[in-house]
Amino acid sequence: MYEKNQTWVSEIVLLGFQNLKNFKVPLFSLFLLIYIMTVCENVLIIVLVSSSRNLQSPMNSFLQQLALTDLLGSSNIVPTLLQTIIYDGVTVSLHSCIIVFNLFACSESMQCFLLAVMAYDRYVAICNPLRYTSIMNHRVCVRLILMSWALSIVITINTWSMIQTLRFCNETTIDHFFCDLTPLLELSCSNTFFVKLEITLHKVIIGITLPGYGCLVWHGLRK
């Protein structure tokens, strides 16, 4: 009987910034300018590293991937942010909302793994300068990048599958400018304990086991 009285949600309203009044245009212009600069800088890094032989070093390759993840993350969130400013909120489908969050989570996870790999690269360069070029060769760099992407995608798919099991009913508004996890879970009428537990475990894996990730790289990929 309770389930029959529930209305399943198919659309989410992002409230964004409310009551901006005269600050709407200046704030929109500021965020748009920051976004354009972010896109230009990241595209410039990607193009320069790809086109210049002098920049074909391991660290620059990692910086190129970092620029790519930053570009994907900002392009995933900022357009919705700009819409919420102009229209005092925006309506998106529930599936789009979940996709936006998972893309954001994937890019953030990738950035964490890349930073760990870059720290390992600097460790090798400082502690083993004579063996640096043999340890951090092109094959190893490619494997490190692919491993980082693979781990990020696996974590994202796992989170996606957990969120897909939830049911959303009655509440349709999120007081935010994009579909972040906490406000999204607050809309759910299902038990979100296991989703929160899974997210916490992912944070532990990403935040605490990154040194172990570097050790894995050191012992497994230098051969």
C-alpha atoms as a PDB file:
ATOM      1  CA  MET A   1       0.000   0.000   0.000  1.00  0.00           C
ATOM      2  CA  TYR A   2       2.879   2.300   0.826  1.00  0.00           C
ATOM      3  CA  GLU A   3       4.567   1.648  -2.518  1.00  0.00           C
ATOM      4  CA  LYS A   4       1.370   2.490  -4.405  1.00  0.00           C
ATOM      5  CA  ASN A   5       1.296   5.951  -2.839  1.00  0.00           C
ATOM      6  CA  GLN A   6       4.844   6.693  -3.915  1.00  0.00           C
ATOM      7  CA  THR A   7       5.667   8.655  -7.049  1.00  0.00           C
ATOM      8  CA  TRP A   8       8.815   7.397  -8.733  1.00  0.00           C
ATOM      9  CA  VAL A   9      11.103  10.234  -9.748  1.00  0.00           C
ATOM     10  CA  SER A  10      12.282  10.497 -13.361  1.00  0.00           C
ATOM     11  CA  GLU A  11      13.539  14.105 -13.285  1.00  0.00           C
ATOM     12  CA  ILE A  12      15.683  16.083 -10.853  1.00  0.00           C
ATOM     13  CA  VAL A  13      15.588  19.848 -10.320  1.00  0.00           C
ATOM     14  CA  LEU A  14      18.979  21.406  -9.548  1.00  0.00           C
ATOM     15  CA  LEU A  15      18.398  24.660  -7.686  1.00  0.00           C
ATOM     16  CA  GLY A  16      21.945  25.984  -8.037  1.00  0.00           C
ATOM     17  CA  PHE A  17      22.409  29.541  -6.800  1.00  0.00           C
ATOM     18  CA  GLN A  18      19.147  31.153  -5.753  1.00  0.00           C
ATOM     19  CA  ASN A  19      18.226  34.875  -5.527  1.00  0.00           C
ATOM     20  CA  LEU A  20      21.267  36.151  -7.402  1.00  0.00           C
ATOM     21  CA  LYS A  21      19.352  39.117  -8.821  1.00  0.00           C
ATOM     22  CA  ASN A  22      21.896  41.650 -10.118  1.00  0.00           C
ATOM     23  CA  PHE A  23      24.798  39.238  -9.586  1.00  0.00           C
ATOM     24  CA  LYS A  24      23.500  36.721 -12.141  1.00  0.00           C
ATOM     25  CA  VAL A  25      25.306  38.114 -15.195  1.00  0.00           C
ATOM     26  CA  PRO A  26      28.633  38.904 -13.427  1.00  0.00           C
ATOM     27  CA  LEU A  27      28.716  35.441 -11.813  1.00  0.00           C
ATOM     28  CA  PHE A  28      27.831  33.742 -15.090  1.00  0.00           C
ATOM     29  CA  SER A  29      30.567  35.701 -16.888  1.00  0.00           C
ATOM     30  CA  LEU A  30      33.129  34.834 -14.216  1.00  0.00           C
ATOM     31  CA  PHE A  31      32.447  31.088 -14.302  1.00  0.00           C
ATOM     32  CA  LEU A  32      32.330  31.111 -18.099  1.00  0.00           C
ATOM     33  CA  LEU A  33      35.688  32.890 -18.262  1.00  0.00           C
ATOM     34  CA  ILE A  34      37.240  30.412 -15.811  1.00  0.00           C
ATOM     35  CA  TYR A  35      35.824  27.505 -17.815  1.00  0.00           C
ATOM     36  CA  ILE A  36      37.141  28.856 -21.130  1.00  0.00           C
ATOM     37  CA  MET A  37      40.589  29.375 -19.599  1.00  0.00           C
ATOM     38  CA  THR A  38      40.517  25.860 -18.140  1.00  0.00           C
ATOM     39  CA  VAL A  39      39.583  24.331 -21.492  1.00  0.00           C
ATOM     40  CA  CYS A  40      42.204  26.327 -23.386  1.00  0.00           C
ATOM     41  CA  GLU A  41      44.997  25.523 -20.945  1.00  0.00           C
ATOM     42  CA  ASN A  42      44.217  21.801 -20.827  1.00  0.00           C
ATOM     43  CA  VAL A  43      43.843  21.516 -24.597  1.00  0.00           C
ATOM     44  CA  LEU A  44      47.129  23.397 -25.013  1.00  0.00           C
ATOM     45  CA  ILE A  45      48.922  20.946 -22.703  1.00  0.00           C
ATOM     46  CA  ILE A  46      47.456  17.945 -24.511  1.00  0.00           C
ATOM     47  CA  VAL A  47      48.363  19.277 -27.960  1.00  0.00           C
ATOM     48  CA  LEU A  48      51.884  20.382 -27.013  1.00  0.00           C
ATOM     49  CA  VAL A  49      52.807  17.084 -25.379  1.00  0.00           C
ATOM     50  CA  SER A  50      51.364  15.138 -28.312  1.00  0.00           C
ATOM     51  CA  SER A  51      53.039  17.185 -31.030  1.00  0.00           C
ATOM     52  CA  SER A  52      56.475  17.976 -29.579  1.00  0.00           C
ATOM     53  CA  ARG A  53      59.207  15.335 -29.389  1.00  0.00           C
ATOM     54  CA  ASN A  54      61.079  17.396 -26.810  1.00  0.00           C
ATOM     55  CA  LEU A  55      58.155  16.988 -24.409  1.00  0.00           C
ATOM     56  CA  GLN A  56      57.906  13.208 -24.728  1.00  0.00           C
ATOM     57  CA  SER A  57      58.977  12.515 -21.151  1.00  0.00           C
ATOM     58  CA  PRO A  58      57.169  10.335 -18.582  1.00  0.00           C
ATOM     59  CA  MET A  59      56.178  13.295 -16.402  1.00  0.00           C
ATOM     60  CA  ASN A  60      54.785  15.222 -19.357  1.00  0.00           C
ATOM     61  CA  SER A  61      52.796  12.172 -20.418  1.00  0.00           C
ATOM     62  CA  PHE A  62      51.259  12.006 -16.961  1.00  0.00           C
ATOM     63  CA  LEU A  63      50.597  15.752 -17.041  1.00  0.00           C
ATOM     64  CA  GLN A  64      48.852  15.268 -20.376  1.00  0.00           C
ATOM     65  CA  GLN A  65      46.556  12.641 -18.837  1.00  0.00           C
ATOM     66  CA  LEU A  66      45.980  14.898 -15.835  1.00  0.00           C
ATOM     67  CA  ALA A  67      44.965  17.711 -18.180  1.00  0.00           C
ATOM     68  CA  LEU A  68      42.587  15.317 -19.951  1.00  0.00           C
ATOM     69  CA  THR A  69      40.888  14.304 -16.698  1.00  0.00           C
ATOM     70  CA  ASP A  70      40.606  17.952 -15.630  1.00  0.00           C
ATOM     71  CA  LEU A  71      39.067  18.800 -19.003  1.00  0.00           C
ATOM     72  CA  LEU A  72      36.546  15.957 -18.725  1.00  0.00           C
ATOM     73  CA  GLY A  73      35.663  16.825 -15.139  1.00  0.00           C
ATOM     74  CA  SER A  74      35.117  20.530 -15.760  1.00  0.00           C
ATOM     75  CA  SER A  75      33.192  19.926 -19.004  1.00  0.00           C
ATOM     76  CA  ASN A  76      30.970  17.508 -17.117  1.00  0.00           C
ATOM     77  CA  ILE A  77      29.931  20.005 -14.415  1.00  0.00           C
ATOM     78  CA  VAL A  78      30.364  23.589 -15.609  1.00  0.00           C
ATOM     79  CA  PRO A  79      27.718  23.617 -18.403  1.00  0.00           C
ATOM     80  CA  THR A  80      25.049  22.607 -15.872  1.00  0.00           C
ATOM     81  CA  LEU A  81      26.398  25.174 -13.434  1.00  0.00           C
ATOM     82  CA  LEU A  82      26.038  27.923 -16.038  1.00  0.00           C
ATOM     83  CA  GLN A  83      22.476  26.835 -16.802  1.00  0.00           C
ATOM     84  CA  THR A  84      21.491  26.971 -13.125  1.00  0.00           C
ATOM     85  CA  ILE A  85      22.798  30.532 -12.903  1.00  0.00           C
ATOM     86  CA  ILE A  86      20.942  31.788 -15.974  1.00  0.00           C
ATOM     87  CA  TYR A  87      17.644  29.965 -15.431  1.00  0.00           C
ATOM     88  CA  ASP A  88      17.640  29.936 -11.588  1.00  0.00           C
ATOM     89  CA  GLY A  89      17.753  26.167 -11.664  1.00  0.00           C
ATOM     90  CA  VAL A  90      17.663  23.442 -14.266  1.00  0.00           C
ATOM     91  CA  THR A  91      15.753  20.177 -14.723  1.00  0.00           C
ATOM     92  CA  VAL A  92      17.667  17.034 -15.691  1.00  0.00           C
ATOM     93  CA  SER A  93      16.642  13.409 -15.958  1.00  0.00           C
ATOM     94  CA  LEU A  94      17.497  11.077 -13.113  1.00  0.00           C
ATOM     95  CA  HIS A  95      19.655   8.923 -15.371  1.00  0.00           C
ATOM     96  CA  SER A  96      21.572  11.979 -16.576  1.00  0.00           C
ATOM     97  CA  CYS A  97      22.076  13.023 -12.974  1.00  0.00           C
ATOM     98  CA  ILE A  98      23.559   9.636 -12.079  1.00  0.00           C
ATOM     99  CA  ILE A  99      25.758   9.665 -15.188  1.00  0.00           C
ATOM    100  CA  VAL A 100      27.093  13.132 -14.333  1.00  0.00           C
ATOM    101  CA  PHE A 101      28.061  12.025 -10.840  1.00  0.00           C
ATOM    102  CA  ASN A 102      29.771   8.844 -12.068  1.00  0.00           C
ATOM    103  CA  LEU A 103      31.758  10.717 -14.699  1.00  0.00           C
ATOM    104  CA  PHE A 104      32.813  13.181 -12.017  1.00  0.00           C
ATOM    105  CA  ALA A 105      33.806  10.321  -9.700  1.00  0.00           C
ATOM    106  CA  CYS A 106      35.765   8.620 -12.488  1.00  0.00           C
ATOM    107  CA  SER A 107      37.742  11.766 -13.315  1.00  0.00           C
ATOM    108  CA  GLU A 108      38.487  12.446  -9.647  1.00  0.00           C
ATOM    109  CA  SER A 109      39.624   8.848  -9.060  1.00  0.00           C
ATOM    110  CA  MET A 110      41.837   9.038 -12.134  1.00  0.00           C
ATOM    111  CA  GLN A 111      43.419  12.235 -10.862  1.00  0.00           C
ATOM    112  CA  CYS A 112      44.245  10.566  -7.545  1.00  0.00           C
ATOM    113  CA  PHE A 113      45.911   7.603  -9.259  1.00  0.00           C
ATOM    114  CA  LEU A 114      47.792   9.885 -11.634  1.00  0.00           C
ATOM    115  CA  LEU A 115      49.124  11.967  -8.752  1.00  0.00           C
ATOM    116  CA  ALA A 116      50.351   8.759  -7.107  1.00  0.00           C
ATOM    117  CA  VAL A 117      52.063   7.703 -10.345  1.00  0.00           C
ATOM    118  CA  MET A 118      53.636  11.158 -10.732  1.00  0.00           C
ATOM    119  CA  ALA A 119      54.929  10.954  -7.158  1.00  0.00           C
ATOM    120  CA  TYR A 120      56.476   7.574  -7.992  1.00  0.00           C
ATOM    121  CA  ASP A 121      58.035   9.070 -11.129  1.00  0.00           C
ATOM    122  CA  ARG A 122      59.674  11.840  -9.071  1.00  0.00           C
ATOM    123  CA  TYR A 123      60.852   9.265  -6.529  1.00  0.00           C
ATOM    124  CA  VAL A 124      62.635   7.289  -9.239  1.00  0.00           C
ATOM    125  CA  ALA A 125      64.090  10.453 -10.787  1.00  0.00           C
ATOM    126  CA  ILE A 126      65.543  11.612  -7.440  1.00  0.00           C
ATOM    127  CA  CYS A 127      66.603   8.308  -5.870  1.00  0.00           C
ATOM    128  CA  ASN A 128      67.646   6.435  -9.013  1.00  0.00           C
ATOM    129  CA  PRO A 129      68.678   9.088 -11.548  1.00  0.00           C
ATOM    130  CA  LEU A 130      71.049   6.796 -13.459  1.00  0.00           C
ATOM    131  CA  ARG A 131      68.359   4.140 -13.926  1.00  0.00           C
ATOM    132  CA  TYR A 132      65.475   6.539 -14.481  1.00  0.00           C
ATOM    133  CA  THR A 133      65.276   6.182 -18.266  1.00  0.00           C
ATOM    134  CA  SER A 134      65.391   2.379 -18.080  1.00  0.00           C
ATOM    135  CA  ILE A 135      62.784   2.116 -15.317  1.00  0.00           C
ATOM    136  CA  MET A 136      60.369   4.779 -16.591  1.00  0.00           C
ATOM    137  CA  ASN A 137      60.426   3.757 -20.246  1.00  0.00           C
ATOM    138  CA  HIS A 138      57.549   4.274 -22.680  1.00  0.00           C
ATOM    139  CA  ARG A 139      56.083   0.805 -22.120  1.00  0.00           C
ATOM    140  CA  VAL A 140      55.958   1.288 -18.355  1.00  0.00           C
ATOM    141  CA  CYS A 141      54.346   4.726 -18.696  1.00  0.00           C
ATOM    142  CA  VAL A 142      51.636   3.358 -20.976  1.00  0.00           C
ATOM    143  CA  ARG A 143      50.951   0.507 -18.564  1.00  0.00           C
ATOM    144  CA  LEU A 144      50.754   2.927 -15.638  1.00  0.00           C
ATOM    145  CA  ILE A 145      48.273   5.134 -17.469  1.00  0.00           C
ATOM    146  CA  LEU A 146      46.148   2.179 -18.580  1.00  0.00           C
ATOM    147  CA  MET A 147      46.195   0.719 -15.083  1.00  0.00           C
ATOM    148  CA  SER A 148      45.061   4.034 -13.596  1.00  0.00           C
ATOM    149  CA  TRP A 149      42.201   4.330 -16.082  1.00  0.00           C
ATOM    150  CA  ALA A 150      41.197   0.715 -15.513  1.00  0.00           C
ATOM    151  CA  LEU A 151      41.066   1.111 -11.729  1.00  0.00           C
ATOM    152  CA  SER A 152      39.086   4.334 -12.031  1.00  0.00           C
ATOM    153  CA  ILE A 153      36.571   2.774 -14.413  1.00  0.00           C
ATOM    154  CA  VAL A 154      36.149  -0.334 -12.261  1.00  0.00           C
ATOM    155  CA  ILE A 155      35.483   1.770  -9.166  1.00  0.00           C
ATOM    156  CA  THR A 156      33.021   3.947 -11.098  1.00  0.00           C
ATOM    157  CA  ILE A 157      31.134   0.947 -12.522  1.00  0.00           C
ATOM    158  CA  ASN A 158      30.862  -0.548  -9.054  1.00  0.00           C
ATOM    159  CA  THR A 159      29.446   2.715  -7.683  1.00  0.00           C
ATOM    160  CA  TRP A 160      27.098   3.010 -10.652  1.00  0.00           C
ATOM    161  CA  SER A 161      25.712  -0.482 -10.074  1.00  0.00           C
ATOM    162  CA  MET A 162      25.095   0.293  -6.396  1.00  0.00           C
ATOM    163  CA  ILE A 163      23.260   3.563  -7.148  1.00  0.00           C
ATOM    164  CA  GLN A 164      21.169   1.853  -9.822  1.00  0.00           C
ATOM    165  CA  THR A 165      19.654  -0.400  -7.143  1.00  0.00           C
ATOM    166  CA  LEU A 166      18.192   2.611  -5.304  1.00  0.00           C
ATOM    167  CA  ARG A 167      14.661   3.919  -5.727  1.00  0.00           C
ATOM    168  CA  PHE A 168      13.928   7.630  -5.862  1.00  0.00           C
ATOM    169  CA  CYS A 169      10.478   8.879  -4.944  1.00  0.00           C
ATOM    170  CA  ASN A 170       8.553  12.030  -3.962  1.00  0.00           C
ATOM    171  CA  GLU A 171      11.469  14.493  -3.523  1.00  0.00           C
ATOM    172  CA  THR A 172      12.793  15.948  -6.784  1.00  0.00           C
ATOM    173  CA  THR A 173      14.940  18.966  -5.839  1.00  0.00           C
ATOM    174  CA  ILE A 174      18.671  19.124  -5.121  1.00  0.00           C
ATOM    175  CA  ASP A 175      20.018  22.298  -3.546  1.00  0.00           C
ATOM    176  CA  HIS A 176      23.239  22.110  -5.509  1.00  0.00           C
ATOM    177  CA  PHE A 177      24.599  23.067  -8.939  1.00  0.00           C
ATOM    178  CA  PHE A 178      25.409  19.485  -9.990  1.00  0.00           C
ATOM    179  CA  CYS A 179      24.455  15.938  -9.036  1.00  0.00           C
ATOM    180  CA  ASP A 180      26.782  15.244  -6.135  1.00  0.00           C
ATOM    181  CA  LEU A 181      26.516  12.005  -4.173  1.00  0.00           C
ATOM    182  CA  THR A 182      25.226  13.213  -0.798  1.00  0.00           C
ATOM    183  CA  PRO A 183      22.287  15.303  -2.083  1.00  0.00           C
ATOM    184  CA  LEU A 184      21.483  12.521  -4.558  1.00  0.00           C
ATOM    185  CA  LEU A 185      21.307   9.895  -1.826  1.00  0.00           C
ATOM    186  CA  GLU A 186      19.110  12.177   0.275  1.00  0.00           C
ATOM    187  CA  LEU A 187      16.434  11.909  -2.416  1.00  0.00           C
ATOM    188  CA  SER A 188      16.359   8.139  -2.256  1.00  0.00           C
ATOM    189  CA  CYS A 189      13.577   6.347  -0.409  1.00  0.00           C
ATOM    190  CA  SER A 190      15.680   3.160  -0.317  1.00  0.00           C
ATOM    191  CA  ASN A 191      18.213   2.082   2.272  1.00  0.00           C
ATOM    192  CA  THR A 192      21.434   3.873   1.312  1.00  0.00           C
ATOM    193  CA  PHE A 193      23.643   2.306   3.995  1.00  0.00           C
ATOM    194  CA  PHE A 194      25.429  -0.108   1.658  1.00  0.00           C
ATOM    195  CA  VAL A 195      25.976   2.587  -0.955  1.00  0.00           C
ATOM    196  CA  LYS A 196      27.552   4.872   1.648  1.00  0.00           C
ATOM    197  CA  LEU A 197      29.639   1.962   2.939  1.00  0.00           C
ATOM    198  CA  GLU A 198      30.824   1.156  -0.567  1.00  0.00           C
ATOM    199  CA  ILE A 199      31.756   4.802  -1.216  1.00  0.00           C
ATOM    200  CA  THR A 200      33.654   4.919   2.080  1.00  0.00           C
ATOM    201  CA  LEU A 201      35.583   1.780   1.130  1.00  0.00           C
ATOM    202  CA  HIS A 202      36.477   3.367  -2.196  1.00  0.00           C
ATOM    203  CA  LYS A 203      37.785   6.447  -0.393  1.00  0.00           C
ATOM    204  CA  VAL A 204      39.917   4.205   1.815  1.00  0.00           C
ATOM    205  CA  ILE A 205      41.209   2.311  -1.213  1.00  0.00           C
ATOM    206  CA  ILE A 206      42.045   5.472  -3.126  1.00  0.00           C
ATOM    207  CA  GLY A 207      43.277   7.593  -0.213  1.00  0.00           C
ATOM    208  CA  ILE A 208      45.167   5.122   1.953  1.00  0.00           C
ATOM    209  CA  THR A 209      46.349   2.391  -0.413  1.00  0.00           C
ATOM    210  CA  LEU A 210      47.988   4.727  -2.947  1.00  0.00           C
ATOM    211  CA  PRO A 211      51.430   4.052  -1.393  1.00  0.00           C
ATOM    212  CA  GLY A 212      50.721   0.370  -1.968  1.00  0.00           C
ATOM    213  CA  TYR A 213      49.847   1.235  -5.541  1.00  0.00           C
ATOM    214  CA  GLY A 214      53.287   2.819  -5.877  1.00  0.00           C
ATOM    215  CA  CYS A 215      54.921  -0.289  -4.402  1.00  0.00           C
ATOM    216  CA  LEU A 216      53.052  -2.427  -6.922  1.00  0.00           C
ATOM    217  CA  VAL A 217      54.400  -0.228  -9.680  1.00  0.00           C
ATOM    218  CA  TRP A 218      57.943  -0.438  -8.308  1.00  0.00           C
ATOM    219  CA  HIS A 219      58.051  -4.222  -7.968  1.00  0.00           C
ATOM    220  CA  GLY A 220      55.889  -5.218 -10.895  1.00  0.00           C
ATOM    221  CA  LEU A 221      56.424  -2.733 -13.725  1.00  0.00           C
ATOM    222  CA  ARG A 222      60.122  -1.911 -13.599  1.00  0.00           C
ATOM    223  CA  LYS A 223      60.997  -5.349 -15.026  1.00  0.00           C
END
